[in-house]
Amino acid sequence: MSEEKFNLSVEVKDSAVILRTTGYINNIAGEKIAEVCYEYIAKGFKYFLLDMKESSIVNSIGVSIIIEIIEKLQEINGRIGYFNLAPIVAKTFKIMGLVEYSTIYNSEEEALAEISNVS
């Protein structure tokens, strides 16, 4: 199995920071996601969305880093959500309890409409 090179692009829409991932989300990719989130938190952003259309695999370290981001966002009443998840990733997020503290959306439009309106 050839490992997909991880890439991350960032876009701000409305009050949300959208992180579009490509490739395997492991410890290295997770750290890059966290670094960007913390950078934007420092700039005053509280709402984050992960577009995972091009990331079909997330390992346990990637998930644990996302949990750290969730904890940081809870401190500032922020939120994180995800869309375009592969079924196996959605199932993993549910099993690992991420959906207790974050949301899986069906589309980018739904995510943008809801994330900053939920208190």
N, C-alpha and C. Protein backbone atom coordinates (compact mmCIF):
# COMPACT_ATOMS: atom_id res chain seq x y z
N MET A 1 0.85 -1.18 0.00
CA MET A 1 0.00 0.00 0.00
C MET A 1 0.89 1.24 0.00
N SER A 2 0.70 2.09 -0.96
CA SER A 2 1.50 3.32 -0.99
C SER A 2 0.81 4.35 -0.12
N GLU A 3 1.60 5.01 0.69
CA GLU A 3 1.04 6.00 1.62
C GLU A 3 0.81 7.31 0.87
N GLU A 4 -0.43 7.82 0.98
CA GLU A 4 -0.75 9.09 0.35
C GLU A 4 -0.03 10.21 1.08
N LYS A 5 0.53 11.13 0.34
CA LYS A 5 1.16 12.30 0.96
C LYS A 5 0.07 13.19 1.53
N PHE A 6 0.26 13.61 2.76
CA PHE A 6 -0.73 14.45 3.42
C PHE A 6 -0.57 15.90 2.98
N ASN A 7 -1.69 16.52 2.67
CA ASN A 7 -1.71 17.95 2.37
C ASN A 7 -2.88 18.58 3.11
N LEU A 8 -2.75 19.86 3.39
CA LEU A 8 -3.77 20.59 4.12
C LEU A 8 -3.90 21.97 3.51
N SER A 9 -5.15 22.33 3.18
CA SER A 9 -5.39 23.70 2.73
C SER A 9 -6.40 24.33 3.68
N VAL A 10 -6.31 25.64 3.82
CA VAL A 10 -7.13 26.35 4.80
C VAL A 10 -7.89 27.46 4.10
N GLU A 11 -9.17 27.57 4.47
CA GLU A 11 -10.02 28.60 3.90
C GLU A 11 -10.92 29.12 5.02
N VAL A 12 -11.13 30.43 5.06
CA VAL A 12 -12.04 31.00 6.04
C VAL A 12 -13.33 31.38 5.31
N LYS A 13 -14.45 30.85 5.80
CA LYS A 13 -15.78 31.18 5.25
C LYS A 13 -16.66 31.59 6.40
N ASP A 14 -17.27 32.76 6.28
CA ASP A 14 -18.07 33.31 7.36
C ASP A 14 -17.17 33.37 8.60
N SER A 15 -17.57 32.75 9.69
CA SER A 15 -16.75 32.78 10.90
C SER A 15 -16.05 31.44 11.13
N ALA A 16 -16.08 30.57 10.12
CA ALA A 16 -15.51 29.23 10.28
C ALA A 16 -14.21 29.07 9.49
N VAL A 17 -13.30 28.31 10.07
CA VAL A 17 -12.05 27.95 9.40
C VAL A 17 -12.25 26.54 8.86
N ILE A 18 -12.12 26.40 7.54
CA ILE A 18 -12.28 25.09 6.91
C ILE A 18 -10.89 24.54 6.57
N LEU A 19 -10.62 23.36 7.09
CA LEU A 19 -9.36 22.68 6.79
C LEU A 19 -9.67 21.52 5.86
N ARG A 20 -9.13 21.57 4.67
CA ARG A 20 -9.35 20.50 3.69
C ARG A 20 -8.13 19.59 3.69
N THR A 21 -8.36 18.33 4.04
CA THR A 21 -7.25 17.38 4.17
C THR A 21 -7.19 16.46 2.96
N THR A 22 -5.98 16.05 2.63
CA THR A 22 -5.74 15.06 1.58
C THR A 22 -4.74 14.06 2.14
N GLY A 23 -5.11 12.80 2.12
CA GLY A 23 -4.19 11.76 2.56
C GLY A 23 -4.48 11.25 3.96
N TYR A 24 -3.60 10.38 4.40
CA TYR A 24 -3.70 9.64 5.65
C TYR A 24 -3.50 10.56 6.85
N ILE A 25 -4.45 10.54 7.79
CA ILE A 25 -4.33 11.38 8.98
C ILE A 25 -3.75 10.53 10.11
N ASN A 26 -2.45 10.70 10.29
CA ASN A 26 -1.71 9.99 11.34
C ASN A 26 -1.15 11.04 12.31
N ASN A 27 -0.09 10.70 13.04
CA ASN A 27 0.48 11.65 14.00
C ASN A 27 1.01 12.91 13.32
N ILE A 28 1.70 12.77 12.21
CA ILE A 28 2.28 13.93 11.52
C ILE A 28 1.17 14.83 10.98
N ALA A 29 0.20 14.24 10.31
CA ALA A 29 -0.92 15.01 9.75
C ALA A 29 -1.75 15.63 10.88
N GLY A 30 -1.98 14.87 11.94
CA GLY A 30 -2.74 15.38 13.08
C GLY A 30 -2.07 16.60 13.69
N GLU A 31 -0.74 16.54 13.82
CA GLU A 31 0.00 17.68 14.37
C GLU A 31 -0.13 18.91 13.47
N LYS A 32 -0.13 18.70 12.15
CA LYS A 32 -0.29 19.83 11.22
C LYS A 32 -1.68 20.45 11.37
N ILE A 33 -2.70 19.59 11.51
CA ILE A 33 -4.08 20.08 11.70
C ILE A 33 -4.15 20.88 13.00
N ALA A 34 -3.59 20.34 14.08
CA ALA A 34 -3.62 21.02 15.38
C ALA A 34 -2.89 22.36 15.31
N GLU A 35 -1.74 22.37 14.66
CA GLU A 35 -0.95 23.60 14.54
C GLU A 35 -1.77 24.71 13.87
N VAL A 36 -2.46 24.36 12.78
CA VAL A 36 -3.29 25.35 12.08
C VAL A 36 -4.45 25.79 12.97
N CYS A 37 -5.12 24.85 13.62
CA CYS A 37 -6.24 25.20 14.50
C CYS A 37 -5.78 26.14 15.61
N TYR A 38 -4.66 25.83 16.26
CA TYR A 38 -4.19 26.66 17.37
C TYR A 38 -3.78 28.05 16.87
N GLU A 39 -3.22 28.10 15.67
CA GLU A 39 -2.85 29.39 15.07
C GLU A 39 -4.10 30.26 14.86
N TYR A 40 -5.18 29.64 14.36
CA TYR A 40 -6.42 30.39 14.12
C TYR A 40 -7.16 30.70 15.43
N ILE A 41 -7.06 29.81 16.41
CA ILE A 41 -7.64 30.10 17.73
C ILE A 41 -6.98 31.35 18.30
N ALA A 42 -5.66 31.44 18.15
CA ALA A 42 -4.92 32.61 18.64
C ALA A 42 -5.37 33.89 17.95
N LYS A 43 -5.89 33.76 16.72
CA LYS A 43 -6.39 34.92 15.97
C LYS A 43 -7.84 35.24 16.32
N GLY A 44 -8.45 34.42 17.19
CA GLY A 44 -9.81 34.69 17.63
C GLY A 44 -10.89 33.83 17.01
N PHE A 45 -10.52 32.87 16.17
CA PHE A 45 -11.52 31.99 15.55
C PHE A 45 -11.93 30.90 16.54
N LYS A 46 -13.23 30.52 16.49
CA LYS A 46 -13.76 29.51 17.40
C LYS A 46 -14.43 28.33 16.69
N TYR A 47 -14.64 28.45 15.39
CA TYR A 47 -15.39 27.42 14.66
C TYR A 47 -14.52 26.83 13.56
N PHE A 48 -14.40 25.49 13.59
CA PHE A 48 -13.53 24.79 12.66
C PHE A 48 -14.27 23.64 11.99
N LEU A 49 -13.98 23.45 10.72
CA LEU A 49 -14.57 22.34 9.96
C LEU A 49 -13.46 21.59 9.24
N LEU A 50 -13.52 20.27 9.31
CA LEU A 50 -12.58 19.44 8.55
C LEU A 50 -13.32 18.84 7.36
N ASP A 51 -12.85 19.17 6.16
CA ASP A 51 -13.36 18.56 4.94
C ASP A 51 -12.45 17.37 4.66
N MET A 52 -12.99 16.16 4.87
CA MET A 52 -12.17 14.96 4.78
C MET A 52 -12.46 14.13 3.53
N LYS A 53 -12.92 14.80 2.50
CA LYS A 53 -13.25 14.11 1.24
C LYS A 53 -12.07 13.30 0.70
N GLU A 54 -10.87 13.84 0.86
CA GLU A 54 -9.68 13.19 0.31
C GLU A 54 -8.86 12.45 1.37
N SER A 55 -9.46 12.22 2.54
CA SER A 55 -8.78 11.48 3.61
C SER A 55 -9.67 10.33 4.04
N SER A 56 -9.34 9.14 3.60
CA SER A 56 -10.20 8.00 3.91
C SER A 56 -9.69 7.17 5.09
N ILE A 57 -8.52 7.54 5.63
CA ILE A 57 -7.97 6.80 6.76
C ILE A 57 -7.50 7.77 7.84
N VAL A 58 -7.92 7.48 9.08
CA VAL A 58 -7.46 8.23 10.25
C VAL A 58 -7.05 7.20 11.29
N ASN A 59 -5.80 7.28 11.76
CA ASN A 59 -5.41 6.30 12.78
C ASN A 59 -5.69 6.82 14.18
N SER A 60 -5.40 6.00 15.19
CA SER A 60 -5.75 6.36 16.57
C SER A 60 -5.00 7.59 17.06
N ILE A 61 -3.79 7.79 16.61
CA ILE A 61 -3.04 8.98 17.02
C ILE A 61 -3.67 10.22 16.39
N GLY A 62 -4.09 10.12 15.13
CA GLY A 62 -4.80 11.23 14.48
C GLY A 62 -6.06 11.59 15.25
N VAL A 63 -6.81 10.57 15.66
CA VAL A 63 -8.04 10.79 16.44
C VAL A 63 -7.70 11.45 17.78
N SER A 64 -6.65 10.97 18.45
CA SER A 64 -6.31 11.55 19.77
C SER A 64 -5.91 13.01 19.64
N ILE A 65 -5.29 13.39 18.55
CA ILE A 65 -4.93 14.80 18.34
C ILE A 65 -6.19 15.62 18.10
N ILE A 66 -7.15 15.07 17.37
CA ILE A 66 -8.42 15.77 17.17
C ILE A 66 -9.12 15.96 18.52
N ILE A 67 -9.03 14.97 19.39
CA ILE A 67 -9.62 15.10 20.73
C ILE A 67 -8.95 16.25 21.50
N GLU A 68 -7.64 16.39 21.36
CA GLU A 68 -6.93 17.51 22.00
C GLU A 68 -7.45 18.85 21.48
N ILE A 69 -7.71 18.93 20.18
CA ILE A 69 -8.26 20.15 19.58
C ILE A 69 -9.64 20.43 20.16
N ILE A 70 -10.47 19.39 20.28
CA ILE A 70 -11.81 19.54 20.86
C ILE A 70 -11.70 20.10 22.28
N GLU A 71 -10.78 19.56 23.08
CA GLU A 71 -10.61 20.04 24.46
C GLU A 71 -10.22 21.51 24.49
N LYS A 72 -9.32 21.91 23.59
CA LYS A 72 -8.89 23.31 23.51
C LYS A 72 -10.07 24.20 23.12
N LEU A 73 -10.89 23.73 22.18
CA LEU A 73 -12.05 24.52 21.74
C LEU A 73 -13.10 24.63 22.84
N GLN A 74 -13.24 23.60 23.66
CA GLN A 74 -14.20 23.66 24.76
C GLN A 74 -13.86 24.78 25.74
N GLU A 75 -12.57 25.05 25.90
CA GLU A 75 -12.13 26.11 26.81
C GLU A 75 -12.60 27.49 26.35
N ILE A 76 -12.83 27.65 25.04
CA ILE A 76 -13.22 28.96 24.50
C ILE A 76 -14.63 28.93 23.91
N ASN A 77 -15.41 27.91 24.28
CA ASN A 77 -16.77 27.73 23.72
C ASN A 77 -16.75 27.63 22.20
N GLY A 78 -15.71 27.02 21.68
CA GLY A 78 -15.61 26.80 20.24
C GLY A 78 -16.18 25.45 19.84
N ARG A 79 -16.18 25.19 18.53
CA ARG A 79 -16.74 23.93 18.03
C ARG A 79 -15.94 23.46 16.83
N ILE A 80 -15.93 22.14 16.63
CA ILE A 80 -15.34 21.56 15.44
C ILE A 80 -16.34 20.59 14.85
N GLY A 81 -16.36 20.51 13.54
CA GLY A 81 -17.22 19.57 12.85
C GLY A 81 -16.50 19.02 11.63
N TYR A 82 -17.11 18.03 11.01
CA TYR A 82 -16.49 17.32 9.89
C TYR A 82 -17.53 17.10 8.81
N PHE A 83 -17.08 17.06 7.57
CA PHE A 83 -17.97 16.66 6.49
C PHE A 83 -17.17 15.93 5.42
N ASN A 84 -17.89 15.25 4.54
CA ASN A 84 -17.29 14.40 3.50
C ASN A 84 -16.47 13.27 4.10
N LEU A 85 -16.96 12.65 5.17
CA LEU A 85 -16.25 11.54 5.79
C LEU A 85 -16.52 10.23 5.07
N ALA A 86 -15.49 9.43 4.92
CA ALA A 86 -15.67 8.06 4.44
C ALA A 86 -16.46 7.33 5.53
N PRO A 87 -17.31 6.36 5.14
CA PRO A 87 -18.10 5.64 6.15
C PRO A 87 -17.26 5.05 7.29
N ILE A 88 -16.08 4.52 6.97
CA ILE A 88 -15.24 3.92 8.02
C ILE A 88 -14.72 4.98 8.98
N VAL A 89 -14.44 6.17 8.48
CA VAL A 89 -13.97 7.26 9.35
C VAL A 89 -15.11 7.73 10.25
N ALA A 90 -16.30 7.88 9.67
CA ALA A 90 -17.47 8.28 10.47
C ALA A 90 -17.71 7.27 11.59
N LYS A 91 -17.61 5.98 11.25
CA LYS A 91 -17.81 4.93 12.25
C LYS A 91 -16.74 5.01 13.34
N THR A 92 -15.49 5.22 12.94
CA THR A 92 -14.39 5.35 13.89
C THR A 92 -14.63 6.53 14.83
N PHE A 93 -15.05 7.68 14.28
CA PHE A 93 -15.31 8.85 15.11
C PHE A 93 -16.43 8.58 16.11
N LYS A 94 -17.46 7.82 15.68
CA LYS A 94 -18.55 7.48 16.59
C LYS A 94 -18.08 6.54 17.69
N ILE A 95 -17.33 5.50 17.31
CA ILE A 95 -16.84 4.51 18.28
C ILE A 95 -15.93 5.17 19.31
N MET A 96 -15.08 6.10 18.86
CA MET A 96 -14.10 6.73 19.75
C MET A 96 -14.69 7.90 20.53
N GLY A 97 -15.98 8.20 20.32
CA GLY A 97 -16.65 9.20 21.13
C GLY A 97 -16.51 10.64 20.66
N LEU A 98 -15.94 10.86 19.49
CA LEU A 98 -15.77 12.24 19.01
C LEU A 98 -17.11 12.93 18.79
N VAL A 99 -18.13 12.16 18.38
CA VAL A 99 -19.42 12.78 18.08
C VAL A 99 -20.16 13.24 19.34
N GLU A 100 -19.64 12.89 20.51
CA GLU A 100 -20.23 13.41 21.75
C GLU A 100 -19.91 14.88 21.91
N TYR A 101 -18.79 15.32 21.33
CA TYR A 101 -18.29 16.67 21.53
C TYR A 101 -18.08 17.45 20.23
N SER A 102 -18.42 16.84 19.11
CA SER A 102 -18.28 17.48 17.81
C SER A 102 -19.34 16.87 16.89
N THR A 103 -19.43 17.39 15.67
CA THR A 103 -20.55 17.01 14.80
C THR A 103 -20.07 16.56 13.43
N ILE A 104 -20.71 15.51 12.93
CA ILE A 104 -20.50 15.09 11.55
C ILE A 104 -21.64 15.67 10.73
N TYR A 105 -21.29 16.45 9.73
CA TYR A 105 -22.29 17.07 8.85
C TYR A 105 -22.35 16.35 7.51
N ASN A 106 -23.51 16.48 6.84
CA ASN A 106 -23.68 15.83 5.54
C ASN A 106 -23.02 16.59 4.40
N SER A 107 -22.86 17.91 4.58
CA SER A 107 -22.29 18.72 3.50
C SER A 107 -21.63 19.96 4.07
N GLU A 108 -20.84 20.61 3.26
CA GLU A 108 -20.21 21.87 3.67
C GLU A 108 -21.26 22.93 3.96
N GLU A 109 -22.29 22.98 3.13
CA GLU A 109 -23.35 23.98 3.30
C GLU A 109 -24.05 23.79 4.65
N GLU A 110 -24.39 22.55 4.96
CA GLU A 110 -25.03 22.26 6.24
C GLU A 110 -24.12 22.64 7.41
N ALA A 111 -22.85 22.28 7.27
CA ALA A 111 -21.88 22.57 8.33
C ALA A 111 -21.76 24.07 8.57
N LEU A 112 -21.61 24.85 7.50
CA LEU A 112 -21.48 26.29 7.63
C LEU A 112 -22.74 26.92 8.23
N ALA A 113 -23.90 26.41 7.83
CA ALA A 113 -25.16 26.95 8.31
C ALA A 113 -25.33 26.69 9.81
N GLU A 114 -24.83 25.56 10.29
CA GLU A 114 -25.10 25.17 11.67
C GLU A 114 -24.00 25.47 12.67
N ILE A 115 -22.73 25.39 12.27
CA ILE A 115 -21.66 25.38 13.28
C ILE A 115 -21.60 26.67 14.10
N SER A 116 -21.75 27.80 13.49
CA SER A 116 -21.62 29.04 14.27
C SER A 116 -22.93 29.47 14.91
N ASN A 117 -24.02 28.74 14.62
CA ASN A 117 -25.32 29.08 15.20
C ASN A 117 -25.65 28.23 16.42
N VAL A 118 -24.84 27.24 16.71
CA VAL A 118 -25.10 26.36 17.85
C VAL A 118 -24.33 26.92 19.04
N SER A 119 -25.03 27.07 20.14
CA SER A 119 -24.33 27.62 21.31
C SER A 119 -23.90 26.52 22.25
